Protein backbone atom coordinates (compact mmCIF):
# COMPACT_ATOMS: atom_id res chain seq x y z
CA MET A 1 -0.01 -0.05 -0.01
CA ASN A 2 1.49 3.39 -0.98
CA LEU A 3 1.27 6.71 1.00
CA LEU A 4 -1.80 7.92 -0.62
CA SER A 5 -3.61 4.62 -0.08
CA ILE A 6 -3.00 5.11 3.68
CA LEU A 7 -4.03 8.79 3.49
CA PHE A 8 -7.19 7.98 1.65
CA SER A 9 -8.20 5.41 4.18
CA PHE A 10 -7.50 7.84 6.96
CA TYR A 11 -9.40 10.80 5.58
CA GLY A 12 -12.28 8.61 4.25
CA LYS A 13 -14.61 9.05 1.30
CA SER A 14 -17.10 11.07 3.22
CA GLU A 15 -14.96 14.22 3.43
CA LYS A 16 -16.04 17.32 1.40
CA SER A 17 -15.17 17.32 -2.19
CA THR A 18 -12.98 19.94 -3.79
CA LYS A 19 -15.95 21.91 -5.03
CA GLU A 20 -17.26 22.24 -1.42
CA VAL A 21 -14.04 23.57 0.06
CA GLN A 22 -14.39 27.34 0.62
CA HIS A 23 -11.46 29.35 -0.30
CA SER A 24 -10.83 32.86 0.98
CA PHE A 25 -9.73 35.62 -1.34
CA PRO A 26 -6.00 35.41 -1.70
CA ASP A 27 -3.53 38.09 -0.62
CA ILE A 28 -2.37 39.12 -4.18
CA ASP A 29 0.56 41.00 -2.82
CA SER A 30 1.93 37.93 -0.98
CA VAL A 31 1.00 35.61 -3.93
CA SER A 32 2.84 37.82 -6.51
CA ARG A 33 5.97 38.26 -4.41
CA TYR A 34 7.58 35.05 -5.71
CA PHE A 35 6.96 36.18 -9.39
CA TYR A 36 8.52 39.55 -8.85
CA ASN A 37 11.57 38.22 -6.95
CA GLU A 38 12.26 35.45 -9.36
CA GLU A 39 14.69 35.94 -12.15
CA PRO A 40 13.17 35.24 -15.58
CA THR A 41 14.64 32.10 -17.21
CA THR A 42 16.43 32.28 -20.56
CA GLY A 43 13.96 32.07 -23.58
CA SER A 44 10.89 33.00 -21.48
CA ASN A 45 8.68 36.10 -21.82
CA ARG A 46 6.91 37.78 -18.96
CA ILE A 47 3.42 39.26 -19.05
CA SER A 48 3.96 42.83 -18.15
CA ASP A 49 1.98 44.69 -15.55
CA LYS A 50 0.36 46.69 -18.22
CA VAL A 51 -0.94 43.62 -20.11
CA TRP A 52 -1.86 41.86 -16.87
CA SER A 53 -3.97 44.86 -15.76
CA ASP A 54 -5.65 45.15 -19.14
CA LEU A 55 -6.65 41.49 -19.09
CA ASP A 56 -7.91 41.75 -15.42
CA GLY A 57 -5.11 39.30 -14.63
CA ASP A 58 -5.71 39.15 -10.89
CA ASP A 59 -9.36 38.18 -11.48
CA LEU A 60 -8.29 35.45 -13.93
CA PHE A 61 -5.86 34.19 -11.26
CA VAL A 62 -8.62 33.91 -8.69
CA PHE A 63 -10.87 32.18 -11.15
CA ALA A 64 -8.10 29.67 -12.11
CA ASP A 65 -6.94 29.18 -8.59
CA HIS A 66 -7.98 25.88 -6.91
CA THR A 67 -4.73 25.41 -5.00
CA HIS A 68 -4.60 24.51 -1.38
CA SER A 69 -1.15 25.75 -0.42
CA CYS A 70 0.74 29.14 -0.47
CA PRO A 71 3.55 27.63 -2.65
CA GLY A 72 0.93 26.36 -4.99
CA LYS A 73 -0.71 29.85 -5.30
CA GLN A 74 2.62 31.56 -5.87
CA LEU A 75 3.70 29.03 -8.54
CA LEU A 76 0.34 29.26 -10.27
CA TYR A 77 0.48 33.07 -10.40
CA GLN A 78 4.14 32.91 -11.73
CA SER A 79 3.00 30.39 -14.37
CA LEU A 80 0.17 32.53 -15.56
CA ARG A 81 2.59 35.38 -16.07
CA THR A 82 5.43 33.48 -17.72
CA LEU A 83 5.35 32.48 -21.36
CA ASP A 84 7.91 29.60 -21.56
CA LYS A 85 8.30 26.76 -24.02
CA LYS A 86 9.23 24.43 -21.21
CA ASN A 87 5.98 24.79 -19.27
CA PHE A 88 5.68 22.24 -16.60
CA ILE A 89 1.86 22.10 -16.86
CA THR A 90 2.17 21.16 -20.55
CA GLU A 91 4.71 18.62 -19.74
CA ASN A 92 2.65 16.91 -17.12
CA GLU A 93 -0.82 16.40 -18.84
CA GLU A 94 -0.66 12.79 -17.92
CA LEU A 95 -0.47 13.58 -14.20
CA ILE A 96 -3.40 16.01 -14.51
CA ARG A 97 -5.48 13.19 -16.01
CA TYR A 98 -4.26 11.00 -13.18
CA PHE A 99 -5.75 13.40 -10.75
CA ASP A 100 -8.89 13.61 -12.71
CA ASN A 101 -9.52 10.02 -13.07
CA ASN A 102 -9.05 8.53 -9.62
CA ASN A 103 -9.64 9.32 -5.97
CA TRP A 104 -6.23 10.28 -4.89
CA GLN A 105 -6.71 14.00 -5.41
CA MET A 106 -8.45 14.56 -2.00
CA PRO A 107 -5.80 13.11 0.25
CA ILE A 108 -3.10 15.02 -1.72
CA GLU A 109 -5.11 18.17 -1.17
CA LYS A 110 -5.27 17.46 2.65
CA GLU A 111 -1.48 17.26 2.63
CA LEU A 112 -1.13 20.52 0.67
CA THR A 113 -3.60 22.31 3.10
CA CYS A 114 -0.80 21.95 5.82
CA LEU A 115 0.93 24.87 3.97
CA SER A 116 -2.11 27.09 3.69
CA HIS A 117 -1.21 29.34 6.57
CA HIS A 118 -0.21 32.88 5.52
CA ASP A 119 3.22 32.46 6.95
CA ALA A 120 3.94 29.95 4.24
CA TYR A 121 4.20 32.85 1.71
CA GLU A 122 7.51 33.66 3.37
CA LEU A 123 9.04 30.34 2.12
CA ALA A 124 10.33 31.64 -1.08
CA SER A 125 12.41 34.25 0.67
CA LEU A 126 14.69 31.52 2.03
CA PHE A 127 16.03 30.84 -1.41
CA GLN A 128 15.28 34.05 -3.35
CA GLN A 129 17.27 36.23 -0.86
CA THR A 130 20.74 35.86 0.39
CA GLN A 131 20.45 35.56 4.15
CA GLU A 132 22.27 37.95 6.40
CA VAL A 133 25.13 36.31 8.31
CA PRO A 134 27.11 37.92 11.17
CA SER A 135 30.75 38.75 10.80
CA LYS A 136 33.30 36.21 11.52
CA THR A 137 34.32 38.16 14.57
CA MET A 138 30.74 38.08 15.92
CA GLN A 139 30.51 34.44 15.19
CA GLN A 140 33.63 33.72 17.30
CA LEU A 141 32.25 35.83 20.09
CA TYR A 142 28.90 33.92 20.03
CA ARG A 143 30.83 30.60 20.28
CA VAL A 144 32.85 31.89 23.22
CA CYS A 145 29.91 33.35 24.96
CA GLN A 146 27.93 30.09 24.53
CA LEU A 147 30.51 28.18 26.75
CA LEU A 148 31.73 30.94 29.00
CA PRO A 149 28.72 30.98 31.54
CA PHE A 150 28.81 27.24 31.90
CA ALA A 151 32.62 27.28 32.46
CA LEU A 152 32.45 30.11 34.98
CA ALA A 153 29.58 28.43 36.86
CA ALA A 154 31.66 25.19 37.11
CA LEU A 155 34.70 27.21 38.22
CA PHE A 156 32.55 28.99 40.91
CA LEU A 157 31.31 25.72 42.31
CA ILE A 158 34.89 24.46 42.63
CA SER A 159 36.57 27.69 43.93
CA ASN A 160 33.66 29.53 45.52
CA GLN A 161 35.44 32.83 44.88
CA THR A 162 33.64 36.21 44.64
CA ILE A 163 35.60 37.22 41.57
CA THR A 164 34.36 34.11 39.71
CA LEU A 165 30.80 34.94 40.72
CA LEU A 166 31.16 38.46 39.34
CA LEU A 167 32.70 37.15 36.00
CA LEU A 168 29.67 34.72 35.81
CA LEU A 169 27.20 37.47 36.25
CA THR A 170 28.99 39.64 33.67
CA ALA A 171 28.93 36.79 31.14
CA VAL A 172 25.20 36.20 31.73
CA ILE A 173 24.56 39.98 31.27
CA LEU A 174 26.61 39.93 28.11
CA ASN A 175 24.56 37.00 26.84
CA VAL A 176 21.31 38.78 27.73
CA VAL A 177 22.50 41.72 25.59
CA LEU A 178 23.55 39.61 22.70
CA HIS A 179 20.37 37.49 22.85
CA TYR A 180 18.01 40.44 22.60
CA LYS A 181 20.06 42.37 20.22
CA HIS A 182 19.93 39.55 17.82
CA LYS A 183 16.11 39.14 18.14
CA TYR A 184 15.57 41.65 15.20
CA ARG A 185 17.37 39.10 12.97
CA LEU A 186 15.32 36.17 14.23
CA TRP A 187 12.10 38.15 13.60
CA ARG A 188 12.45 37.95 9.78
CA TYR A 189 12.62 34.23 10.09
CA LEU A 190 9.99 33.68 12.75
CA HIS A 191 7.29 32.89 10.23
CA ALA A 192 9.37 31.11 7.54
CA PHE A 193 11.24 28.55 9.78
CA PRO A 194 8.23 26.69 11.10
CA GLN A 195 6.73 26.61 7.67
CA PHE A 196 9.93 25.30 6.21
CA LEU A 197 9.83 22.24 8.54
CA THR A 198 6.22 21.69 7.50
CA LEU A 199 7.37 22.02 3.81
CA LEU A 200 9.88 19.22 4.30
CA LYS A 201 7.27 16.85 5.96
CA VAL A 202 4.77 17.51 3.22
CA ALA A 203 7.30 17.08 0.40
CA PHE A 204 8.65 13.82 2.04
CA ARG A 205 5.07 12.31 2.21
CA LEU A 206 4.17 13.38 -1.20
CA TYR A 207 7.43 12.11 -2.74
CA LYS A 208 6.62 8.59 -1.52
CA ASP A 209 3.98 8.29 -4.24
CA SER A 210 5.61 6.99 -7.37
CA ASP A 211 3.45 9.02 -9.81
CA LEU A 212 4.24 12.28 -7.98
CA SER A 213 7.91 11.62 -7.66
CA ARG A 214 8.26 11.87 -11.38
CA LEU A 215 7.88 15.67 -11.12
CA SER A 216 11.24 15.79 -9.34
CA PRO A 217 13.16 12.51 -9.44
CA ASP A 218 16.15 13.99 -7.46
CA LEU A 219 14.00 15.31 -4.64
CA GLY A 220 15.36 12.63 -2.26
CA ARG A 221 18.80 13.99 -2.56
CA HIS A 222 17.61 17.61 -1.93
CA ILE A 223 15.70 16.48 1.10
CA GLN A 224 18.69 14.57 2.45
CA ALA A 225 20.87 17.72 1.87
CA LEU A 226 18.54 19.78 4.04
CA LYS A 227 18.64 17.47 7.17
CA PRO A 228 21.48 19.44 8.86
CA LEU A 229 19.35 22.69 8.40
CA LYS A 230 16.27 20.89 9.77
CA ARG A 231 18.15 20.00 12.90
CA GLU A 232 19.22 23.54 13.51
CA LEU A 233 15.68 24.85 13.05
CA GLN A 234 14.04 22.67 15.65
CA LEU A 235 14.90 25.15 18.30
CA PHE A 236 12.73 27.81 16.62
CA GLN A 237 9.79 25.47 16.17
CA LEU A 238 9.23 25.60 19.95
CA ASP A 239 7.98 29.21 19.81
CA THR A 240 5.04 28.13 17.77
CA LYS A 241 3.95 25.41 20.21
CA LEU A 242 4.22 27.51 23.37
CA ASP A 243 1.30 29.99 22.78
CA SER A 244 -1.18 29.13 25.58
CA ASP A 245 -1.35 30.68 28.98
CA ALA A 246 -0.59 27.34 30.63
CA ALA A 247 2.76 27.09 28.86
CA ILE A 248 4.06 30.46 29.90
CA ILE A 249 6.24 28.94 32.75
CA VAL A 250 7.82 26.45 30.31
CA TYR A 251 8.44 29.31 27.84
CA VAL A 252 10.19 31.39 30.47
CA LEU A 253 12.43 28.44 31.52
CA ILE A 254 13.37 27.73 27.90
CA GLU A 255 14.00 31.38 27.38
CA ILE A 256 16.48 31.42 30.27
CA LEU A 257 18.35 28.46 28.97
CA ARG A 258 18.51 30.12 25.39
CA ILE A 259 20.04 33.19 27.11
CA PHE A 260 22.41 31.31 29.43
CA PHE A 261 23.85 29.22 26.58
CA LEU A 262 23.30 31.83 23.85
CA LEU A 263 21.40 29.18 21.90
CA GLU A 264 19.54 31.40 19.46
CA PRO A 265 22.37 33.53 17.97
CA ASN A 266 24.52 30.43 17.44
CA ALA A 267 21.65 28.33 16.07
CA LEU A 268 20.51 31.16 13.74
CA THR A 269 24.00 31.73 12.49
CA LYS A 270 24.40 28.10 11.62
CA ALA A 271 20.95 28.01 10.01
CA THR A 272 21.62 31.07 7.79
CA ASN A 273 24.95 29.79 6.71
CA LEU A 274 23.38 26.49 5.76
CA LEU A 275 20.51 28.29 3.93
CA ASN A 276 22.97 30.23 1.87
CA SER A 277 24.71 27.04 0.88
CA ARG A 278 21.53 25.00 0.39
CA GLN A 279 19.24 27.37 -1.39
CA GLU A 280 19.00 25.26 -4.52
CA ASP A 281 17.84 22.37 -2.39
CA VAL A 282 15.24 24.51 -0.73
CA GLU A 283 13.91 25.77 -4.01
CA ALA A 284 13.77 22.27 -5.41
CA VAL A 285 11.51 21.19 -2.52
CA PHE A 286 9.31 24.36 -2.73
CA LEU A 287 8.87 23.74 -6.54
CA PHE A 288 7.99 20.05 -6.12
CA VAL A 289 5.11 20.93 -3.66
CA GLY A 290 4.03 23.89 -5.69
CA LYS A 291 3.93 21.84 -8.95
CA VAL A 292 1.92 19.06 -7.20
CA ASP A 293 -0.54 21.70 -6.06
CA VAL A 294 -0.85 23.48 -9.42
CA LEU A 295 -1.46 20.28 -11.37
CA CYS A 296 -4.08 19.20 -8.84
CA SER A 297 -5.66 22.65 -9.21
CA MET A 298 -5.75 22.27 -12.96
CA ALA A 299 -7.61 19.01 -12.74
CA THR A 300 -10.23 20.64 -10.53
CA LEU A 301 -10.46 23.78 -12.80
CA ARG A 302 -11.02 21.68 -15.92
CA LYS A 303 -13.82 19.74 -14.19
CA ASP A 304 -15.57 22.89 -13.24
CA LEU A 305 -15.58 24.44 -16.78
CA PRO A 306 -18.55 23.88 -19.14
CA TYR A 307 -16.05 22.87 -21.76
CA TYR A 308 -12.36 23.56 -22.73
CA CYS A 309 -9.75 22.47 -25.19
CA ARG A 310 -6.04 22.13 -25.35
CA PRO A 311 -4.43 24.60 -27.82
CA GLU A 312 -3.28 23.32 -31.26
CA SER A 313 -0.47 24.78 -33.30
CA ALA A 314 -1.18 26.91 -36.45
CA GLU A 315 0.80 28.50 -39.20
CA PRO A 316 1.98 32.03 -38.69
CA LYS A 317 -0.47 34.90 -38.51
CA ILE A 318 -3.46 32.56 -37.85
CA ILE A 319 -5.99 32.56 -34.97
CA GLU A 320 -8.76 30.08 -35.52
CA THR A 321 -11.31 29.05 -32.80
CA LYS A 322 -14.69 27.56 -32.29
CA ALA A 323 -17.10 28.60 -29.56
CA ILE A 324 -14.61 30.67 -27.62
CA TYR A 325 -15.75 32.41 -24.53
CA HIS A 326 -14.55 34.74 -21.75
CA PRO A 327 -14.09 32.75 -18.49
CA LEU A 328 -14.86 35.67 -16.22
CA ILE A 329 -18.18 36.67 -17.89
CA PRO A 330 -21.09 34.79 -16.47
CA ASP A 331 -23.13 32.98 -19.19
CA CYS A 332 -20.74 34.41 -21.77
CA ILE A 333 -21.98 34.19 -25.36
CA SER A 334 -19.43 32.21 -27.38
CA ASN A 335 -18.23 33.07 -30.87
CA ASP A 336 -16.39 31.41 -33.72
CA PHE A 337 -13.44 33.45 -35.16
CA SER A 338 -10.79 33.13 -37.87
CA ASN A 339 -8.58 36.07 -38.84
CA GLY A 340 -7.64 34.75 -42.30
CA HIS A 341 -3.90 35.62 -42.24
CA LYS A 342 -4.80 39.25 -41.46
CA SER A 343 -5.08 41.48 -38.48
CA VAL A 344 -8.54 42.52 -37.26
CA ILE A 345 -10.44 45.75 -36.69
CA LEU A 346 -13.58 45.46 -34.60
CA THR A 347 -16.30 48.15 -34.80
CA GLY A 348 -19.49 48.65 -32.96
CA SER A 349 -21.26 50.89 -30.36
CA ASN A 350 -20.48 50.97 -26.67
CA MET A 351 -21.36 47.94 -24.58
CA SER A 352 -21.73 45.76 -27.81
CA GLY A 353 -18.86 43.51 -26.91
CA LYS A 354 -15.77 44.75 -28.84
CA THR A 355 -13.33 45.08 -26.01
CA ALA A 356 -14.64 42.06 -24.21
CA PHE A 357 -13.96 39.99 -27.50
CA ILE A 358 -10.45 41.30 -27.72
CA ARG A 359 -9.81 40.30 -24.02
CA THR A 360 -11.40 36.82 -24.74
CA ILE A 361 -8.90 36.21 -27.64
CA ALA A 362 -6.01 37.58 -25.46
CA ILE A 363 -6.88 35.57 -22.33
CA ASN A 364 -7.09 32.32 -24.39
CA MET A 365 -3.80 33.11 -26.06
CA LEU A 366 -2.41 33.60 -22.52
CA THR A 367 -3.84 30.40 -21.00
CA ALA A 368 -2.91 28.44 -24.17
CA GLN A 369 0.71 29.13 -23.38
CA THR A 370 0.72 28.96 -19.63
CA LEU A 371 -2.03 26.50 -18.51
CA ASN A 372 -2.22 24.45 -21.78
CA LEU A 373 -5.91 25.26 -21.68
CA CYS A 374 -8.34 27.26 -23.73
CA PHE A 375 -11.92 28.31 -23.04
CA ALA A 376 -13.14 27.10 -26.42
CA LYS A 377 -14.06 23.96 -28.28
CA THR A 378 -10.95 24.48 -30.53
CA PHE A 379 -8.21 26.95 -30.48
CA ARG A 380 -5.40 27.10 -33.11
CA ALA A 381 -2.65 29.66 -32.93
CA GLN A 382 1.07 30.16 -32.93
CA PRO A 383 2.49 31.06 -29.45
CA MET A 384 2.94 34.79 -29.22
CA PRO A 385 3.77 37.45 -26.58
CA LEU A 386 1.23 39.96 -25.81
CA PHE A 387 1.23 43.81 -25.83
CA SER A 388 -1.78 45.90 -25.06
CA SER A 389 -3.18 49.31 -24.85
CA ILE A 390 -6.77 49.06 -23.36
CA HIS A 391 -6.70 50.94 -20.15
CA ILE A 392 -4.72 54.13 -20.07
CA ASN A 393 -4.74 56.63 -17.18
CA ASP A 394 -3.07 59.96 -16.49
CA ASP A 395 0.12 59.62 -14.48
CA LEU A 396 -0.26 62.81 -12.33
CA MET A 397 2.64 61.92 -10.05
CA ASN A 398 5.04 61.98 -13.10
CA ALA A 399 3.18 64.79 -14.95
CA LYS A 400 2.26 62.58 -17.75
CA SER A 401 -1.10 63.25 -19.58
CA TYR A 402 -3.35 60.49 -20.94
CA TYR A 403 -2.23 61.08 -24.42
CA LEU A 404 1.45 60.89 -23.46
CA GLN A 405 1.00 57.71 -21.56
CA GLU A 406 -0.61 56.26 -24.61
CA VAL A 407 2.18 57.53 -26.86
CA LEU A 408 4.72 55.77 -24.64
CA THR A 409 2.63 52.53 -24.52
CA VAL A 410 2.31 52.44 -28.28
CA LYS A 411 6.05 53.27 -28.76
CA GLU A 412 6.82 50.00 -26.93
CA MET A 413 4.59 48.11 -29.24
CA ILE A 414 6.33 49.69 -32.33
CA ASP A 415 9.70 48.57 -30.88
CA ALA A 416 8.35 45.06 -30.14
CA SER A 417 6.99 44.77 -33.78
CA GLU A 418 10.52 45.15 -35.06
CA ASN A 419 12.16 42.40 -33.03
CA GLY A 420 11.60 39.72 -35.67
CA TYR A 421 9.25 37.34 -33.80
CA PRO A 422 5.49 37.36 -34.08
CA VAL A 423 3.50 39.51 -31.40
CA LEU A 424 -0.08 39.83 -30.58
CA PHE A 425 -1.03 43.47 -30.16
CA LEU A 426 -4.34 44.51 -28.42
CA LEU A 427 -5.73 48.07 -28.84
CA ASP A 428 -8.95 49.77 -27.79
CA GLU A 429 -9.68 53.13 -29.34
CA LEU A 430 -6.17 54.29 -30.28
CA PHE A 431 -5.33 57.83 -29.35
CA LYS A 432 -8.67 58.70 -27.68
CA GLY A 433 -6.82 61.64 -26.09
CA THR A 434 -6.50 63.72 -29.26
CA ASN A 435 -8.56 65.29 -32.09
CA THR A 436 -10.37 63.25 -34.72
CA THR A 437 -8.21 64.19 -37.72
CA GLU A 438 -4.97 63.45 -36.21
CA ARG A 439 -6.29 60.44 -34.35
CA ILE A 440 -7.36 58.63 -37.53
CA ALA A 441 -4.18 59.74 -39.40
CA ALA A 442 -1.88 58.61 -36.66
CA GLY A 443 -4.00 55.50 -35.98
CA LYS A 444 -3.78 54.42 -39.74
CA ALA A 445 0.02 54.84 -39.85
CA ILE A 446 0.64 53.04 -36.54
CA LEU A 447 -1.60 50.08 -37.23
CA SER A 448 0.04 49.53 -40.58
CA ALA A 449 3.36 49.54 -38.92
CA LEU A 450 2.28 47.10 -36.13
CA ASN A 451 0.77 44.74 -38.84
CA SER A 452 4.17 44.10 -40.28
CA GLY A 453 5.52 40.47 -40.74
CA ASN A 454 3.61 37.86 -38.83
CA ASN A 455 2.37 40.09 -36.05
CA ILE A 456 -1.41 40.15 -35.37
CA VAL A 457 -3.22 43.25 -34.34
CA LEU A 458 -6.62 43.21 -32.70
CA MET A 459 -8.04 46.75 -32.65
CA ALA A 460 -11.54 47.88 -31.36
CA THR A 461 -12.65 51.32 -32.62
CA HIS A 462 -15.64 53.52 -33.02
CA ASP A 463 -13.91 55.27 -36.04
CA LEU A 464 -15.47 53.78 -39.12
CA GLU A 465 -13.30 56.01 -41.16
CA LEU A 466 -10.22 54.24 -39.80
CA ALA A 467 -11.65 50.90 -40.69
CA GLU A 468 -12.36 51.95 -44.16
CA LEU A 469 -8.78 53.24 -44.59
CA LEU A 470 -7.39 49.90 -43.55
CA HIS A 471 -9.87 47.41 -45.24
CA ASP A 472 -7.03 46.13 -47.52
CA GLU A 473 -4.77 45.24 -44.74
CA PHE A 474 -7.17 44.23 -41.96
CA ASP A 475 -10.09 41.87 -41.77
CA LEU A 476 -13.12 43.79 -40.55
CA TYR A 477 -15.65 42.49 -38.02
CA HIS A 478 -18.27 44.24 -35.97
CA PHE A 479 -20.80 43.80 -33.03
CA SER A 480 -24.17 45.31 -33.26
CA GLU A 481 -27.20 46.10 -31.18
CA GLN A 482 -30.92 46.33 -31.86
CA ILE A 483 -33.42 48.98 -30.77
CA GLU A 484 -36.83 47.56 -30.46
CA GLN A 485 -39.72 49.30 -28.79
CA LYS A 486 -37.39 51.93 -27.47
CA GLU A 487 -35.17 49.27 -25.83
CA LEU A 488 -31.44 48.64 -26.59
CA THR A 489 -30.47 44.99 -26.78
CA PHE A 490 -27.25 43.28 -27.79
CA ASP A 491 -26.66 39.71 -29.03
CA TYR A 492 -22.81 39.83 -28.53
CA LYS A 493 -22.31 37.83 -31.81
CA LEU A 494 -19.37 38.58 -33.92
CA LYS A 495 -20.30 39.54 -37.49
CA SER A 496 -18.25 39.95 -40.59
CA GLY A 497 -17.64 43.40 -42.21
CA ILE A 498 -17.81 46.89 -40.92
CA MET A 499 -20.67 48.28 -38.87
CA THR A 500 -23.14 49.70 -41.26
CA HIS A 501 -25.19 51.97 -38.97
CA ARG A 502 -24.51 54.39 -36.03
CA ASN A 503 -26.84 54.38 -33.09
CA ALA A 504 -25.07 56.66 -30.61
CA ILE A 505 -27.31 59.66 -31.45
CA ARG A 506 -30.42 57.45 -31.58
CA ILE A 507 -29.47 56.25 -28.09
CA LEU A 508 -29.48 60.05 -26.96
CA GLU A 509 -32.94 60.31 -28.41
CA LEU A 510 -34.17 57.13 -26.54
CA TYR A 511 -33.00 58.51 -23.33
CA GLY A 512 -34.89 61.79 -23.63
CA TYR A 513 -32.38 64.32 -24.81
CA PRO A 514 -33.88 67.62 -26.19
CA VAL A 515 -35.30 67.32 -29.68
CA SER A 516 -33.32 70.25 -30.88
CA THR A 517 -30.08 68.84 -29.50
CA VAL A 518 -30.74 65.46 -31.24
CA HIS A 519 -31.66 67.10 -34.48
CA GLU A 520 -28.45 69.26 -34.57
CA ALA A 521 -26.38 66.24 -33.79
CA TYR A 522 -27.89 64.39 -36.89
CA GLU A 523 -27.13 67.26 -39.16
CA ILE A 524 -23.47 67.51 -38.05
CA ALA A 525 -22.98 63.75 -38.30
CA GLY A 526 -24.16 63.76 -41.95
CA GLY A 527 -21.78 66.66 -42.83
CA ASN A 528 -18.15 66.64 -43.43
CA VAL A 529 -16.97 63.35 -41.73
CA GLN A 530 -16.48 61.55 -45.02
CA ALA A 531 -14.32 64.47 -46.27
CA LEU A 532 -11.70 63.33 -43.66
CA VAL A 533 -11.46 59.97 -45.28
CA HIS A 534 -10.82 61.59 -48.76
CA LYS A 535 -8.36 63.86 -47.27
CA ILE A 536 -6.20 61.15 -45.78
CA ARG A 537 -6.49 59.05 -48.88
CA GLY A 538 -5.35 61.93 -51.02
CA LEU A 539 -2.33 62.47 -48.81
CA LYS A 540 -1.45 58.78 -49.07
CA LEU A 541 -1.62 59.02 -52.88
CA ARG A 542 0.67 62.05 -53.00
CA GLN A 543 3.17 60.40 -50.67
CA SER A 544 3.32 57.32 -53.02
């Protein structure tokens, strides 16, 4: 009988299922700390804060998160924000199916829950940061002071001399000073050390399962290398067990012994020295537990979805998908989509679904590369990094206007488009912060530049004139609404071609704007707008 058989018989089949387990909203700052402190690996691309915000990344993480441990949450977050060809989720599909097809998932989750305490978020700091170690002089002083009170006490018992007693008292006072002076160093490890000991226990138990051990065949060697560190940390585990009123006397006695023999500074010095020399081993154990949790979480997520698919490869500049949906929109209307080797411009009125659809494609492109999962019946595309300009805000602290912020964001896109590898660009209403003539002129030039090579641009706009200017370079799609019996309704279905009618002024009329105001708006709208298109086309012909 393997470990999981024992665990399953212990926990029993009557325990709550994964779907019934209630999870509190995670502390995103703590979850993301591992990602921000981790050095990116060679060949990987990171999802920038801008793209993550534009795609509501934190909400996507919460939706995808069915982990049971803090290391699992941190590794899942890091996985969602790292586009890497060597993705451990993709490489372990067989293990995900193993979780999905048998009853071992529940006891594994019970083990992982041992690391669900908030303090376990501090584990990554043990290998991501170089630990502070006292100078060699201080280390020698600690060793001398550890033995000095004991030696002087023995000498006093033999000699019974006053000078020896005074020296003993002086040594004890010195140890009191050193003990409490060093407490600030211990404080930074007070949460991580007990969790590290728990991490070792959980990893050791999970590693006994032959299916899980394939995630890290060398884990036994790493655990063995950490045994000396484990011994040094046993002292600090006592603090977590002596937290009741009844144990206060025991705690005081132990504290006196720690001071008398200067146990803490010496143990902490040995522990930090060992940590600095064993950081690769600590990281290996952390990653093993985190991977088990993430793969278990993926099995649960897939069972909860109405449907999903695994991504398929496609030729360059192709995105093809059937029944794709946005996972964060309740009862989302699905759509079929194919870009036909072209970039895409989406037109339509407000609330019709343009921006939501762009996010839908982008989120699926992201999860295809990170979770080996798409929220669709089929999804075919080439792996691509993502750049976006959807949410732009003024940066008042750095005196940057909305327009300048957008200029800087789009400049990053222009630079990325020239790097020689295909990129997916996401834009919503390019250059909203400037006038119509220059917005359309600059938008046309920039979209043509971004569309170079095998790059794909997904652009949502109200500017029908911009879509007309780019109809040779871009595929045109639109979303539309219906006005029936003075009510505005949307079907959220993607339609081919450019939007053929405008309803913005009609909506003003529906909501009771003055008749004179509505009439004047209609007259202006039917005036010189088309002249702008002819002007830009004429400029283009003269330049050619």
